[in-house]
PDB file of N, CA and C in Angstrom:
ATOM      1  N   MET A   1     -22.851 -48.665  98.069  1.00  0.00           N
ATOM      2  CA  MET A   1     -22.308 -49.985  98.212  1.00  0.00           C
ATOM      3  C   MET A   1     -21.670 -50.175  99.590  1.00  0.00           C
ATOM      4  N   PHE A   2     -21.021 -49.109 100.086  1.00  0.00           N
ATOM      5  CA  PHE A   2     -20.373 -49.179 101.403  1.00  0.00           C
ATOM      6  C   PHE A   2     -21.416 -49.398 102.502  1.00  0.00           C
ATOM      7  N   LYS A   3     -22.562 -48.709 102.385  1.00  0.00           N
ATOM      8  CA  LYS A   3     -23.632 -48.867 103.390  1.00  0.00           C
ATOM      9  C   LYS A   3     -24.194 -50.284 103.370  1.00  0.00           C
ATOM     10  N   LEU A   4     -24.295 -50.868 102.196  1.00  0.00           N
ATOM     11  CA  LEU A   4     -24.792 -52.241 102.079  1.00  0.00           C
ATOM     12  C   LEU A   4     -23.817 -53.226 102.736  1.00  0.00           C
ATOM     13  N   ASN A   5     -22.523 -53.007 102.552  1.00  0.00           N
ATOM     14  CA  ASN A   5     -21.522 -53.859 103.191  1.00  0.00           C
ATOM     15  C   ASN A   5     -21.576 -53.731 104.714  1.00  0.00           C
ATOM     16  N   ILE A   6     -21.742 -52.525 105.208  1.00  0.00           N
ATOM     17  CA  ILE A   6     -21.871 -52.315 106.660  1.00  0.00           C
ATOM     18  C   ILE A   6     -23.118 -53.019 107.181  1.00  0.00           C
ATOM     19  N   PHE A   7     -24.202 -52.919 106.440  1.00  0.00           N
ATOM     20  CA  PHE A   7     -25.450 -53.592 106.844  1.00  0.00           C
ATOM     21  C   PHE A   7     -25.233 -55.100 106.929  1.00  0.00           C
ATOM     22  N   PHE A   8     -24.584 -55.685 105.930  1.00  0.00           N
ATOM     23  CA  PHE A   8     -24.330 -57.129 105.938  1.00  0.00           C
ATOM     24  C   PHE A   8     -23.393 -57.532 107.069  1.00  0.00           C
ATOM     25  N   VAL A   9     -22.429 -56.707 107.386  1.00  0.00           N
ATOM     26  CA  VAL A   9     -21.530 -56.999 108.508  1.00  0.00           C
ATOM     27  C   VAL A   9     -22.314 -56.993 109.816  1.00  0.00           C
ATOM     28  N   VAL A  10     -23.206 -56.027 109.977  1.00  0.00           N
ATOM     29  CA  VAL A  10     -24.031 -55.961 111.193  1.00  0.00           C
ATOM     30  C   VAL A  10     -24.946 -57.178 111.277  1.00  0.00           C
ATOM     31  N   VAL A  11     -25.553 -57.556 110.165  1.00  0.00           N
ATOM     32  CA  VAL A  11     -26.413 -58.753 110.141  1.00  0.00           C
ATOM     33  C   VAL A  11     -25.591 -59.992 110.455  1.00  0.00           C
ATOM     34  N   LEU A  12     -24.375 -60.072 109.898  1.00  0.00           N
ATOM     35  CA  LEU A  12     -23.494 -61.210 110.157  1.00  0.00           C
ATOM     36  C   LEU A  12     -23.124 -61.298 111.631  1.00  0.00           C
ATOM     37  N   ILE A  13     -22.816 -60.182 112.250  1.00  0.00           N
ATOM     38  CA  ILE A  13     -22.471 -60.158 113.678  1.00  0.00           C
ATOM     39  C   ILE A  13     -23.685 -60.558 114.521  1.00  0.00           C
ATOM     40  N   ALA A  14     -24.862 -60.090 114.143  1.00  0.00           N
ATOM     41  CA  ALA A  14     -26.083 -60.446 114.874  1.00  0.00           C
ATOM     42  C   ALA A  14     -26.352 -61.937 114.762  1.00  0.00           C
ATOM     43  N   CYS A  15     -26.177 -62.490 113.567  1.00  0.00           N
ATOM     44  CA  CYS A  15     -26.375 -63.932 113.387  1.00  0.00           C
ATOM     45  C   CYS A  15     -25.345 -64.731 114.187  1.00  0.00           C
ATOM     46  N   ALA A  16     -24.103 -64.283 114.197  1.00  0.00           N
ATOM     47  CA  ALA A  16     -23.056 -64.977 114.949  1.00  0.00           C
ATOM     48  C   ALA A  16     -23.367 -64.952 116.446  1.00  0.00           C
ATOM     49  N   LEU A  17     -23.804 -63.801 116.939  1.00  0.00           N
ATOM     50  CA  LEU A  17     -24.178 -63.727 118.363  1.00  0.00           C
ATOM     51  C   LEU A  17     -25.378 -64.623 118.666  1.00  0.00           C
ATOM     52  N   GLY A  18     -26.321 -64.689 117.752  1.00  0.00           N
ATOM     53  CA  GLY A  18     -27.473 -65.579 117.930  1.00  0.00           C
ATOM     54  C   GLY A  18     -27.062 -67.034 117.997  1.00  0.00           C
ATOM     55  N   ILE A  19     -26.123 -67.418 117.137  1.00  0.00           N
ATOM     56  CA  ILE A  19     -25.649 -68.804 117.130  1.00  0.00           C
ATOM     57  C   ILE A  19     -24.915 -69.122 118.426  1.00  0.00           C
ATOM     58  N   VAL A  20     -24.053 -68.221 118.861  1.00  0.00           N
ATOM     59  CA  VAL A  20     -23.311 -68.436 120.109  1.00  0.00           C
ATOM     60  C   VAL A  20     -24.275 -68.549 121.289  1.00  0.00           C
ATOM     61  N   THR A  21     -25.270 -67.664 121.310  1.00  0.00           N
ATOM     62  CA  THR A  21     -26.243 -67.688 122.404  1.00  0.00           C
ATOM     63  C   THR A  21     -27.049 -68.985 122.390  1.00  0.00           C
ATOM     64  N   SER A  22     -27.481 -69.423 121.231  1.00  0.00           N
ATOM     65  CA  SER A  22     -28.274 -70.651 121.155  1.00  0.00           C
ATOM     66  C   SER A  22     -27.434 -71.878 121.507  1.00  0.00           C
ATOM     67  N   GLN A  23     -26.161 -71.904 121.104  1.00  0.00           N
ATOM     68  CA  GLN A  23     -25.293 -73.025 121.474  1.00  0.00           C
ATOM     69  C   GLN A  23     -25.059 -73.057 122.980  1.00  0.00           C
ATOM     70  N   HIS A  24     -24.863 -71.894 123.569  1.00  0.00           N
ATOM     71  CA  HIS A  24     -24.667 -71.826 125.019  1.00  0.00           C
ATOM     72  C   HIS A  24     -25.918 -72.317 125.753  1.00  0.00           C
ATOM     73  N   THR A  25     -27.075 -71.883 125.285  1.00  0.00           N
ATOM     74  CA  THR A  25     -28.335 -72.326 125.899  1.00  0.00           C
ATOM     75  C   THR A  25     -28.504 -73.835 125.738  1.00  0.00           C
ATOM     76  N   ALA A  26     -28.177 -74.362 124.559  1.00  0.00           N
ATOM     77  CA  ALA A  26     -28.297 -75.801 124.321  1.00  0.00           C
ATOM     78  C   ALA A  26     -27.372 -76.583 125.253  1.00  0.00           C
ATOM     79  N   ARG A  27     -26.164 -76.078 125.455  1.00  0.00           N
ATOM     80  CA  ARG A  27     -25.224 -76.764 126.353  1.00  0.00           C
ATOM     81  C   ARG A  27     -25.710 -76.728 127.793  1.00  0.00           C
ATOM     82  N   LYS A  28     -26.251 -75.587 128.214  1.00  0.00           N
ATOM     83  CA  LYS A  28     -26.785 -75.503 129.577  1.00  0.00           C
ATOM     84  C   LYS A  28     -27.952 -76.461 129.758  1.00  0.00           C
ATOM     85  N   LEU A  29     -28.836 -76.542 128.755  1.00  0.00           N
ATOM     86  CA  LEU A  29     -29.970 -77.462 128.836  1.00  0.00           C
ATOM     87  C   LEU A  29     -29.507 -78.915 128.830  1.00  0.00           C
ATOM     88  N   PHE A  30     -28.471 -79.215 128.060  1.00  0.00           N
ATOM     89  CA  PHE A  30     -27.938 -80.573 128.029  1.00  0.00           C
ATOM     90  C   PHE A  30     -27.356 -80.950 129.392  1.00  0.00           C
ATOM     91  N   MET A  31     -26.648 -80.027 130.013  1.00  0.00           N
ATOM     92  CA  MET A  31     -26.097 -80.293 131.348  1.00  0.00           C
ATOM     93  C   MET A  31     -27.220 -80.503 132.357  1.00  0.00           C
ATOM     94  N   ALA A  32     -28.268 -79.705 132.255  1.00  0.00           N
ATOM     95  CA  ALA A  32     -29.409 -79.881 133.156  1.00  0.00           C
ATOM     96  C   ALA A  32     -30.065 -81.236 132.932  1.00  0.00           C
ATOM     97  N   LEU A  33     -30.180 -81.651 131.673  1.00  0.00           N
ATOM     98  CA  LEU A  33     -30.758 -82.961 131.359  1.00  0.00           C
ATOM     99  C   LEU A  33     -29.912 -84.077 131.950  1.00  0.00           C
ATOM    100  N   GLU A  34     -28.614 -83.987 131.830  1.00  0.00           N
ATOM    101  CA  GLU A  34     -27.729 -85.007 132.397  1.00  0.00           C
ATOM    102  C   GLU A  34     -27.856 -85.067 133.918  1.00  0.00           C
ATOM    103  N   ASN A  35     -27.963 -83.900 134.557  1.00  0.00           N
ATOM    104  CA  ASN A  35     -28.154 -83.883 136.012  1.00  0.00           C
ATOM    105  C   ASN A  35     -29.469 -84.548 136.398  1.00  0.00           C
ATOM    106  N   GLU A  36     -30.521 -84.277 135.638  1.00  0.00           N
ATOM    107  CA  GLU A  36     -31.821 -84.891 135.935  1.00  0.00           C
ATOM    108  C   GLU A  36     -31.792 -86.397 135.711  1.00  0.00           C
ATOM    109  N   LYS A  37     -31.065 -86.846 134.694  1.00  0.00           N
ATOM    110  CA  LYS A  37     -30.929 -88.286 134.470  1.00  0.00           C
ATOM    111  C   LYS A  37     -30.196 -88.951 135.632  1.00  0.00           C
ATOM    112  N   GLU A  38     -29.190 -88.275 136.164  1.00  0.00           N
ATOM    113  CA  GLU A  38     -28.454 -88.809 137.305  1.00  0.00           C
ATOM    114  C   GLU A  38     -29.350 -88.900 138.537  1.00  0.00           C
ATOM    115  N   ILE A  39     -30.157 -87.863 138.746  1.00  0.00           N
ATOM    116  CA  ILE A  39     -31.103 -87.874 139.868  1.00  0.00           C
ATOM    117  C   ILE A  39     -32.117 -88.990 139.681  1.00  0.00           C
ATOM    118  N   GLU A  40     -32.594 -89.174 138.443  1.00  0.00           N
ATOM    119  CA  GLU A  40     -33.552 -90.244 138.162  1.00  0.00           C
ATOM    120  C   GLU A  40     -32.955 -91.608 138.482  1.00  0.00           C
ATOM    121  N   GLN A  41     -31.698 -91.807 138.109  1.00  0.00           N
ATOM    122  CA  GLN A  41     -31.042 -93.088 138.377  1.00  0.00           C
ATOM    123  C   GLN A  41     -30.915 -93.321 139.885  1.00  0.00           C
ATOM    124  N   LYS A  42     -30.546 -92.283 140.625  1.00  0.00           N
ATOM    125  CA  LYS A  42     -30.441 -92.423 142.079  1.00  0.00           C
ATOM    126  C   LYS A  42     -31.800 -92.734 142.693  1.00  0.00           C
ATOM    127  N   LEU A  43     -32.848 -92.078 142.191  1.00  0.00           N
ATOM    128  CA  LEU A  43     -34.188 -92.336 142.717  1.00  0.00           C
ATOM    129  C   LEU A  43     -34.669 -93.742 142.370  1.00  0.00           C
ATOM    130  N   ASP A  44     -34.298 -94.247 141.193  1.00  0.00           N
ATOM    131  CA  ASP A  44     -34.655 -95.620 140.833  1.00  0.00           C
ATOM    132  C   ASP A  44     -33.982 -96.620 141.769  1.00  0.00           C
ATOM    133  N   VAL A  45     -32.721 -96.368 142.093  1.00  0.00           N
ATOM    134  CA  VAL A  45     -32.004 -97.256 143.015  1.00  0.00           C
ATOM    135  C   VAL A  45     -32.663 -97.202 144.399  1.00  0.00           C
ATOM    136  N   GLU A  46     -33.006 -95.999 144.850  1.00  0.00           N
ATOM    137  CA  GLU A  46     -33.650 -95.867 146.157  1.00  0.00           C
ATOM    138  C   GLU A  46     -35.026 -96.523 146.159  1.00  0.00           C
ATOM    139  N   TRP A  47     -35.759 -96.396 145.053  1.00  0.00           N
ATOM    140  CA  TRP A  47     -37.089 -97.018 144.952  1.00  0.00           C
ATOM    141  C   TRP A  47     -36.968 -98.538 145.053  1.00  0.00           C
ATOM    142  N   GLY A  48     -35.989 -99.117 144.377  1.00  0.00           N
ATOM    143  CA  GLY A  48     -35.781-100.555 144.465  1.00  0.00           C
ATOM    144  C   GLY A  48     -35.419-100.982 145.873  1.00  0.00           C
ATOM    145  N   ARG A  49     -34.569-100.185 146.532  1.00  0.00           N
ATOM    146  CA  ARG A  49     -34.190-100.498 147.915  1.00  0.00           C
ATOM    147  C   ARG A  49     -35.397-100.425 148.844  1.00  0.00           C
ATOM    148  N   LEU A  50     -36.250 -99.411 148.639  1.00  0.00           N
ATOM    149  CA  LEU A  50     -37.431 -99.269 149.481  1.00  0.00           C
ATOM    150  C   LEU A  50     -38.437-100.401 149.241  1.00  0.00           C
ATOM    151  N   GLN A  51     -38.567-100.846 147.992  1.00  0.00           N
ATOM    152  CA  GLN A  51     -39.461-101.973 147.730  1.00  0.00           C
ATOM    153  C   GLN A  51     -38.944-103.237 148.405  1.00  0.00           C
ATOM    154  N   LEU A  52     -37.634-103.444 148.358  1.00  0.00           N
ATOM    155  CA  LEU A  52     -37.052-104.604 149.018  1.00  0.00           C
ATOM    156  C   LEU A  52     -37.253-104.518 150.526  1.00  0.00           C
ATOM    157  N   GLU A  53     -37.054-103.329 151.079  1.00  0.00           N
ATOM    158  CA  GLU A  53     -37.259-103.131 152.516  1.00  0.00           C
ATOM    159  C   GLU A  53     -38.717-103.359 152.893  1.00  0.00           C
ATOM    160  N   GLN A  54     -39.638-102.875 152.060  1.00  0.00           N
ATOM    161  CA  GLN A  54     -41.061-103.065 152.358  1.00  0.00           C
ATOM    162  C   GLN A  54     -41.433-104.543 152.313  1.00  0.00           C
ATOM    163  N   SER A  55     -40.921-105.269 151.325  1.00  0.00           N
ATOM    164  CA  SER A  55     -41.249-106.694 151.248  1.00  0.00           C
ATOM    165  C   SER A  55     -40.682-107.440 152.452  1.00  0.00           C
ATOM    166  N   THR A  56     -39.554-106.981 152.971  1.00  0.00           N
ATOM    167  CA  THR A  56     -38.981-107.603 154.157  1.00  0.00           C
ATOM    168  C   THR A  56     -39.830-107.294 155.389  1.00  0.00           C
ATOM    169  N   LEU A  57     -40.303-106.048 155.474  1.00  0.00           N
ATOM    170  CA  LEU A  57     -41.053-105.639 156.661  1.00  0.00           C
ATOM    171  C   LEU A  57     -42.437-106.276 156.746  1.00  0.00           C
ATOM    172  N   ILE A  58     -43.026-106.645 155.613  1.00  0.00           N
ATOM    173  CA  ILE A  58     -44.384-107.181 155.664  1.00  0.00           C
ATOM    174  C   ILE A  58     -44.426-108.707 155.625  1.00  0.00           C
ATOM    175  N   MET A  59     -43.278-109.344 155.789  1.00  0.00           N
ATOM    176  CA  MET A  59     -43.280-110.803 155.810  1.00  0.00           C
ATOM    177  C   MET A  59     -44.086-111.283 157.014  1.00  0.00           C
ATOM    178  N   HIS A  60     -44.894-112.312 156.789  1.00  0.00           N
ATOM    179  CA  HIS A  60     -45.807-112.815 157.813  1.00  0.00           C
ATOM    180  C   HIS A  60     -45.058-113.270 159.070  1.00  0.00           C
ATOM    181  N   GLY A  61     -43.968-113.955 158.879  1.00  0.00           N
ATOM    182  CA  GLY A  61     -43.212-114.467 160.029  1.00  0.00           C
ATOM    183  C   GLY A  61     -42.656-113.351 160.898  1.00  0.00           C
ATOM    184  N   ARG A  62     -42.192-112.287 160.269  1.00  0.00           N
ATOM    185  CA  ARG A  62     -41.654-111.151 161.024  1.00  0.00           C
ATOM    186  C   ARG A  62     -42.751-110.470 161.831  1.00  0.00           C
ATOM    187  N   ILE A  63     -43.910-110.274 161.205  1.00  0.00           N
ATOM    188  CA  ILE A  63     -45.030-109.635 161.902  1.00  0.00           C
ATOM    189  C   ILE A  63     -45.481-110.498 163.078  1.00  0.00           C
ATOM    190  N   GLU A  64     -45.547-111.803 162.851  1.00  0.00           N
ATOM    191  CA  GLU A  64     -45.952-112.704 163.929  1.00  0.00           C
ATOM    192  C   GLU A  64     -44.927-112.686 165.070  1.00  0.00           C
ATOM    193  N   HIS A  65     -43.653-112.651 164.738  1.00  0.00           N
ATOM    194  CA  HIS A  65     -42.598-112.606 165.751  1.00  0.00           C
ATOM    195  C   HIS A  65     -42.711-111.321 166.581  1.00  0.00           C
ATOM    196  N   ILE A  66     -42.902-110.190 165.930  1.00  0.00           N
ATOM    197  CA  ILE A  66     -43.039-108.924 166.657  1.00  0.00           C
ATOM    198  C   ILE A  66     -44.275-108.941 167.539  1.00  0.00           C
ATOM    199  N   ALA A  67     -45.375-109.483 167.022  1.00  0.00           N
ATOM    200  CA  ALA A  67     -46.606-109.545 167.810  1.00  0.00           C
ATOM    201  C   ALA A  67     -46.410-110.397 169.059  1.00  0.00           C
ATOM    202  N   ARG A  68     -45.691-111.494 168.926  1.00  0.00           N
ATOM    203  CA  ARG A  68     -45.477-112.359 170.097  1.00  0.00           C
ATOM    204  C   ARG A  68     -44.474-111.763 171.078  1.00  0.00           C
ATOM    205  N   GLU A  69     -43.358-111.280 170.573  1.00  0.00           N
ATOM    206  CA  GLU A  69     -42.279-110.829 171.450  1.00  0.00           C
ATOM    207  C   GLU A  69     -42.546-109.457 172.070  1.00  0.00           C
ATOM    208  N   HIS A  70     -42.942-108.499 171.267  1.00  0.00           N
ATOM    209  CA  HIS A  70     -43.056-107.125 171.758  1.00  0.00           C
ATOM    210  C   HIS A  70     -44.457-106.780 172.279  1.00  0.00           C
ATOM    211  N   LEU A  71     -45.475-107.395 171.710  1.00  0.00           N
ATOM    212  CA  LEU A  71     -46.839-107.059 172.111  1.00  0.00           C
ATOM    213  C   LEU A  71     -47.498-108.145 172.952  1.00  0.00           C
ATOM    214  N   ASN A  72     -46.787-109.238 173.178  1.00  0.00           N
ATOM    215  CA  ASN A  72     -47.296-110.368 173.965  1.00  0.00           C
ATOM    216  C   ASN A  72     -48.641-110.868 173.437  1.00  0.00           C
ATOM    217  N   MET A  73     -48.762-110.965 172.129  1.00  0.00           N
ATOM    218  CA  MET A  73     -49.985-111.451 171.504  1.00  0.00           C
ATOM    219  C   MET A  73     -49.804-112.920 171.140  1.00  0.00           C
ATOM    220  N   MET A  74     -50.913-113.645 171.122  1.00  0.00           N
ATOM    221  CA  MET A  74     -50.908-115.048 170.719  1.00  0.00           C
ATOM    222  C   MET A  74     -52.100-115.288 169.805  1.00  0.00           C
ATOM    223  N   ALA A  75     -51.971-116.282 168.950  1.00  0.00           N
ATOM    224  CA  ALA A  75     -53.093-116.665 168.090  1.00  0.00           C
ATOM    225  C   ALA A  75     -54.160-117.322 168.956  1.00  0.00           C
ATOM    226  N   PRO A  76     -55.434-117.030 168.737  1.00  0.00           N
ATOM    227  CA  PRO A  76     -56.486-117.641 169.542  1.00  0.00           C
ATOM    228  C   PRO A  76     -56.652-119.118 169.197  1.00  0.00           C
ATOM    229  N   ALA A  77     -57.187-119.851 170.133  1.00  0.00           N
ATOM    230  CA  ALA A  77     -57.454-121.270 169.896  1.00  0.00           C
ATOM    231  C   ALA A  77     -58.562-121.386 168.853  1.00  0.00           C
ATOM    232  N   ALA A  78     -58.589-122.511 168.178  1.00  0.00           N
ATOM    233  CA  ALA A  78     -59.582-122.716 167.115  1.00  0.00           C
ATOM    234  C   ALA A  78     -61.006-122.644 167.658  1.00  0.00           C
ATOM    235  N   SER A  79     -61.202-123.025 168.903  1.00  0.00           N
ATOM    236  CA  SER A  79     -62.548-122.979 169.479  1.00  0.00           C
ATOM    237  C   SER A  79     -63.004-121.545 169.760  1.00  0.00           C
ATOM    238  N   ASN A  80     -62.068-120.599 169.820  1.00  0.00           N
ATOM    239  CA  ASN A  80     -62.418-119.207 170.098  1.00  0.00           C
ATOM    240  C   ASN A  80     -62.615-118.370 168.827  1.00  0.00           C
ATOM    241  N   ILE A  81     -62.440-118.968 167.666  1.00  0.00           N
ATOM    242  CA  ILE A  81     -62.571-118.229 166.408  1.00  0.00           C
ATOM    243  C   ILE A  81     -63.986-118.366 165.879  1.00  0.00           C
ATOM    244  N   GLN A  82     -64.595-117.249 165.527  1.00  0.00           N
ATOM    245  CA  GLN A  82     -65.931-117.255 164.935  1.00  0.00           C
ATOM    246  C   GLN A  82     -65.854-116.596 163.564  1.00  0.00           C
ATOM    247  N   ILE A  83     -66.478-117.226 162.593  1.00  0.00           N
ATOM    248  CA  ILE A  83     -66.519-116.674 161.246  1.00  0.00           C
ATOM    249  C   ILE A  83     -67.923-116.137 161.023  1.00  0.00           C
ATOM    250  N   VAL A  84     -67.997-114.862 160.670  1.00  0.00           N
ATOM    251  CA  VAL A  84     -69.283-114.200 160.486  1.00  0.00           C
ATOM    252  C   VAL A  84     -69.398-113.810 159.014  1.00  0.00           C
ATOM    253  N   SER A  85     -70.456-114.263 158.372  1.00  0.00           N
ATOM    254  CA  SER A  85     -70.665-113.878 156.977  1.00  0.00           C
ATOM    255  C   SER A  85     -71.402-112.544 156.929  1.00  0.00           C
ATOM    256  N   ILE A  86     -71.394-111.908 155.784  1.00  0.00           N
ATOM    257  CA  ILE A  86     -72.052-110.608 155.647  1.00  0.00           C
ATOM    258  C   ILE A  86     -73.562-110.757 155.800  1.00  0.00           C
ATOM    259  N   ASP A  87     -74.113-111.852 155.283  1.00  0.00           N
ATOM    260  CA  ASP A  87     -75.563-112.062 155.412  1.00  0.00           C
ATOM    261  C   ASP A  87     -75.971-112.173 156.872  1.00  0.00           C
ATOM    262  N   ALA A  88     -75.168-112.889 157.657  1.00  0.00           N
ATOM    263  CA  ALA A  88     -75.481-113.033 159.076  1.00  0.00           C
ATOM    264  C   ALA A  88     -75.328-111.704 159.806  1.00  0.00           C
ATOM    265  N   ALA A  89     -74.348-110.909 159.392  1.00  0.00           N
ATOM    266  CA  ALA A  89     -74.131-109.620 160.037  1.00  0.00           C
ATOM    267  C   ALA A  89     -75.268-108.652 159.719  1.00  0.00           C
ATOM    268  N   GLU A  90     -75.841-108.765 158.523  1.00  0.00           N
ATOM    269  CA  GLU A  90     -76.957-107.872 158.174  1.00  0.00           C
ATOM    270  C   GLU A  90     -78.204-108.192 158.997  1.00  0.00           C
ATOM    271  N   ASP A  91     -78.328-109.446 159.417  1.00  0.00           N
ATOM    272  CA  ASP A  91     -79.498-109.843 160.205  1.00  0.00           C
ATOM    273  C   ASP A  91     -79.389-109.426 161.666  1.00  0.00           C
ATOM    274  N   ARG A  92     -78.171-109.187 162.137  1.00  0.00           N
ATOM    275  CA  ARG A  92     -77.987-108.825 163.541  1.00  0.00           C
ATOM    276  C   ARG A  92     -77.802-107.319 163.670  1.00  0.00           C
ATOM    277  N   PRO A  93     -78.649-106.659 164.449  1.00  0.00           N
ATOM    278  CA  PRO A  93     -78.549-105.198 164.580  1.00  0.00           C
ATOM    279  C   PRO A  93     -77.266-104.743 165.273  1.00  0.00           C
ATOM    280  N   ASP A  94     -76.695-105.560 166.175  1.00  0.00           N
ATOM    281  CA  ASP A  94     -75.487-105.135 166.874  1.00  0.00           C
ATOM    282  C   ASP A  94     -74.247-105.186 165.957  1.00  0.00           C
ATOM    283  N   LEU A  95     -74.312-105.899 164.826  1.00  0.00           N
ATOM    284  CA  LEU A  95     -73.188-105.969 163.902  1.00  0.00           C
ATOM    285  C   LEU A  95     -73.353-105.072 162.672  1.00  0.00           C
ATOM    286  N   LYS A  96     -74.533-104.463 162.503  1.00  0.00           N
ATOM    287  CA  LYS A  96     -74.783-103.622 161.329  1.00  0.00           C
ATOM    288  C   LYS A  96     -73.857-102.408 161.315  1.00  0.00           C
ATOM    289  N   SER A  97     -73.477-101.907 162.487  1.00  0.00           N
ATOM    290  CA  SER A  97     -72.611-100.728 162.534  1.00  0.00           C
ATOM    291  C   SER A  97     -71.200-101.035 162.040  1.00  0.00           C
ATOM    292  N   LEU A  98     -70.811-102.307 161.989  1.00  0.00           N
ATOM    293  CA  LEU A  98     -69.478-102.678 161.537  1.00  0.00           C
ATOM    294  C   LEU A  98     -69.394-102.831 160.026  1.00  0.00           C
ATOM    295  N   LEU A  99     -70.551-102.906 159.345  1.00  0.00           N
ATOM    296  CA  LEU A  99     -70.547-103.098 157.908  1.00  0.00           C
ATOM    297  C   LEU A  99     -70.226-101.811 157.186  1.00  0.00           C
ATOM    298  N   PRO A 100     -69.584-101.914 156.017  1.00  0.00           N
ATOM    299  CA  PRO A 100     -69.247-100.694 155.248  1.00  0.00           C
ATOM    300  C   PRO A 100     -70.481-100.049 154.643  1.00  0.00           C
TER     301      PRO A 100
END
């Protein structure tokens, strides 16, 4: 009977250590999850800021202003604009190299 009691005490201690170890692991994983959620939130805020910045940078008026001021570019006159259709480009050998 004494040996059986010792066996149960050893099993009880092993189970208690298992529970403590699993709780500690669960707490560490929970802390890691919270850290990842915080990083996700920061990345979401940065993503929104970058989308706003991108929409600002690609505005037509801003691009036109930079082209005029920094690159000294101007829109061509209407008489200098030519519209070429794909059918017309296929008929001309000098424009075939520009087609996809």
